[in-house]
Amino acid sequence: MKTCHEFDTVRAEYEREIGFMLAHSKRHEGRPAAKSSAKQAASTKQRMARALNTHVGRCPECG
């Protein structure tokens, strides 16, 4: 699937944020903060999927 520059930018931003949360979760393993970060990362993955799906539906270059 060919995507536009905006799609790639949005995806990169979400993946960067998810990476930070997962790294925080690993650093603080066994603490409540780690569990919270892991849950936030999972919900951010869902938001990324929803945002990218919406983008593909609206973008003439991607959809």
N, C-alpha and C. Protein backbone atom coordinates (compact mmCIF):
# COMPACT_ATOMS: atom_id res chain seq x y z
N MET A 1 0.84 -1.17 0.00
CA MET A 1 0.00 0.00 0.00
C MET A 1 0.89 1.24 0.00
N LYS A 2 0.65 2.13 -0.92
CA LYS A 2 1.40 3.37 -1.01
C LYS A 2 0.74 4.41 -0.11
N THR A 3 1.55 5.08 0.68
CA THR A 3 1.03 6.08 1.61
C THR A 3 1.71 7.42 1.37
N CYS A 4 1.07 8.47 1.85
CA CYS A 4 1.61 9.81 1.68
C CYS A 4 2.55 10.17 2.83
N HIS A 5 3.17 11.32 2.70
CA HIS A 5 4.11 11.81 3.69
C HIS A 5 3.43 12.05 5.04
N GLU A 6 2.23 12.56 5.03
CA GLU A 6 1.51 12.84 6.28
C GLU A 6 1.23 11.55 7.05
N PHE A 7 0.85 10.49 6.34
CA PHE A 7 0.62 9.19 6.96
C PHE A 7 1.89 8.72 7.67
N ASP A 8 3.01 8.81 6.97
CA ASP A 8 4.29 8.38 7.55
C ASP A 8 4.66 9.22 8.76
N THR A 9 4.38 10.50 8.70
CA THR A 9 4.69 11.40 9.82
C THR A 9 3.85 11.05 11.04
N VAL A 10 2.56 10.87 10.85
CA VAL A 10 1.67 10.54 11.97
C VAL A 10 2.08 9.21 12.58
N ARG A 11 2.36 8.24 11.73
CA ARG A 11 2.76 6.93 12.22
C ARG A 11 4.06 7.00 13.02
N ALA A 12 5.03 7.74 12.52
CA ALA A 12 6.31 7.88 13.21
C ALA A 12 6.16 8.53 14.57
N GLU A 13 5.29 9.55 14.67
CA GLU A 13 5.06 10.21 15.95
C GLU A 13 4.45 9.27 16.97
N TYR A 14 3.45 8.51 16.54
CA TYR A 14 2.82 7.55 17.45
C TYR A 14 3.81 6.47 17.86
N GLU A 15 4.58 5.94 16.92
CA GLU A 15 5.54 4.88 17.25
C GLU A 15 6.62 5.39 18.21
N ARG A 16 7.01 6.63 18.05
CA ARG A 16 8.00 7.23 18.95
C ARG A 16 7.44 7.31 20.36
N GLU A 17 6.20 7.78 20.48
CA GLU A 17 5.55 7.90 21.78
C GLU A 17 5.38 6.52 22.43
N ILE A 18 4.98 5.53 21.65
CA ILE A 18 4.82 4.17 22.17
C ILE A 18 6.16 3.63 22.64
N GLY A 19 7.20 3.90 21.88
CA GLY A 19 8.54 3.46 22.27
C GLY A 19 8.98 4.05 23.61
N PHE A 20 8.69 5.33 23.83
CA PHE A 20 9.03 5.97 25.10
C PHE A 20 8.29 5.29 26.25
N MET A 21 7.01 5.01 26.05
CA MET A 21 6.21 4.39 27.11
C MET A 21 6.70 2.99 27.43
N LEU A 22 7.01 2.22 26.40
CA LEU A 22 7.49 0.86 26.63
C LEU A 22 8.87 0.86 27.29
N ALA A 23 9.71 1.81 26.93
CA ALA A 23 11.03 1.92 27.56
C ALA A 23 10.89 2.28 29.04
N HIS A 24 9.98 3.18 29.33
CA HIS A 24 9.72 3.57 30.72
C HIS A 24 9.21 2.37 31.50
N SER A 25 8.34 1.60 30.88
CA SER A 25 7.79 0.41 31.52
C SER A 25 8.89 -0.60 31.83
N LYS A 26 9.83 -0.75 30.92
CA LYS A 26 10.94 -1.68 31.15
C LYS A 26 11.88 -1.20 32.25
N ARG A 27 12.15 0.11 32.26
CA ARG A 27 13.05 0.66 33.27
C ARG A 27 12.50 0.51 34.68
N HIS A 28 11.19 0.63 34.82
CA HIS A 28 10.56 0.61 36.13
C HIS A 28 9.78 -0.68 36.36
N GLU A 29 10.30 -1.77 35.82
CA GLU A 29 9.63 -3.07 35.91
C GLU A 29 9.34 -3.43 37.38
N GLY A 30 8.13 -3.92 37.61
CA GLY A 30 7.74 -4.32 38.96
C GLY A 30 7.10 -3.21 39.77
N ARG A 31 7.02 -2.03 39.24
CA ARG A 31 6.41 -0.90 39.94
C ARG A 31 5.08 -0.54 39.28
N PRO A 32 4.22 0.14 40.03
CA PRO A 32 2.94 0.56 39.44
C PRO A 32 3.11 1.45 38.22
N ALA A 33 4.16 2.25 38.18
CA ALA A 33 4.39 3.15 37.04
C ALA A 33 4.63 2.35 35.76
N ALA A 34 5.27 1.19 35.89
CA ALA A 34 5.53 0.35 34.72
C ALA A 34 4.23 -0.19 34.16
N LYS A 35 3.36 -0.63 35.03
CA LYS A 35 2.07 -1.16 34.58
C LYS A 35 1.25 -0.08 33.91
N SER A 36 1.28 1.11 34.46
CA SER A 36 0.56 2.24 33.89
C SER A 36 1.09 2.58 32.49
N SER A 37 2.40 2.63 32.35
CA SER A 37 3.00 2.94 31.05
C SER A 37 2.67 1.88 30.01
N ALA A 38 2.66 0.63 30.42
CA ALA A 38 2.34 -0.45 29.50
C ALA A 38 0.89 -0.34 29.03
N LYS A 39 0.00 0.00 29.93
CA LYS A 39 -1.41 0.18 29.57
C LYS A 39 -1.58 1.38 28.64
N GLN A 40 -0.85 2.46 28.93
CA GLN A 40 -0.92 3.64 28.07
C GLN A 40 -0.38 3.33 26.68
N ALA A 41 0.67 2.53 26.60
CA ALA A 41 1.23 2.15 25.30
C ALA A 41 0.21 1.35 24.50
N ALA A 42 -0.49 0.44 25.15
CA ALA A 42 -1.50 -0.36 24.46
C ALA A 42 -2.64 0.52 23.95
N SER A 43 -3.08 1.47 24.76
CA SER A 43 -4.17 2.35 24.31
C SER A 43 -3.69 3.29 23.22
N THR A 44 -2.42 3.68 23.26
CA THR A 44 -1.87 4.54 22.22
C THR A 44 -1.79 3.79 20.89
N LYS A 45 -1.49 2.49 20.95
CA LYS A 45 -1.49 1.68 19.72
C LYS A 45 -2.88 1.67 19.09
N GLN A 46 -3.90 1.56 19.92
CA GLN A 46 -5.27 1.58 19.41
C GLN A 46 -5.60 2.94 18.80
N ARG A 47 -5.18 4.01 19.47
CA ARG A 47 -5.42 5.36 18.93
C ARG A 47 -4.69 5.56 17.62
N MET A 48 -3.47 5.02 17.51
CA MET A 48 -2.72 5.13 16.27
C MET A 48 -3.46 4.43 15.14
N ALA A 49 -3.94 3.22 15.41
CA ALA A 49 -4.66 2.48 14.39
C ALA A 49 -5.90 3.24 13.94
N ARG A 50 -6.63 3.82 14.89
CA ARG A 50 -7.83 4.58 14.55
C ARG A 50 -7.48 5.82 13.75
N ALA A 51 -6.43 6.53 14.15
CA ALA A 51 -6.03 7.75 13.45
C ALA A 51 -5.56 7.45 12.02
N LEU A 52 -4.78 6.39 11.86
CA LEU A 52 -4.29 6.04 10.53
C LEU A 52 -5.42 5.54 9.63
N ASN A 53 -6.34 4.80 10.21
CA ASN A 53 -7.48 4.31 9.45
C ASN A 53 -8.34 5.48 8.97
N THR A 54 -8.56 6.45 9.83
CA THR A 54 -9.32 7.65 9.47
C THR A 54 -8.59 8.42 8.37
N HIS A 55 -7.28 8.52 8.51
CA HIS A 55 -6.48 9.23 7.51
C HIS A 55 -6.62 8.58 6.13
N VAL A 56 -6.50 7.27 6.10
CA VAL A 56 -6.59 6.56 4.82
C VAL A 56 -7.96 6.77 4.19
N GLY A 57 -8.99 6.82 5.04
CA GLY A 57 -10.33 7.04 4.53
C GLY A 57 -10.55 8.41 3.94
N ARG A 58 -9.80 9.40 4.40
CA ARG A 58 -10.00 10.78 3.95
C ARG A 58 -8.99 11.28 2.94
N CYS A 59 -7.81 10.66 2.93
CA CYS A 59 -6.72 11.16 2.07
C CYS A 59 -6.87 10.61 0.65
N PRO A 60 -6.89 11.50 -0.34
CA PRO A 60 -7.01 11.03 -1.72
C PRO A 60 -5.76 10.28 -2.21
N GLU A 61 -4.61 10.60 -1.63
CA GLU A 61 -3.38 9.95 -2.05
C GLU A 61 -3.24 8.53 -1.46
N CYS A 62 -3.68 8.36 -0.23
CA CYS A 62 -3.56 7.06 0.44
C CYS A 62 -4.73 6.13 0.09
N GLY A 63 -5.92 6.68 0.04
CA GLY A 63 -7.11 5.84 -0.15
C GLY A 63 -7.43 5.74 -1.56
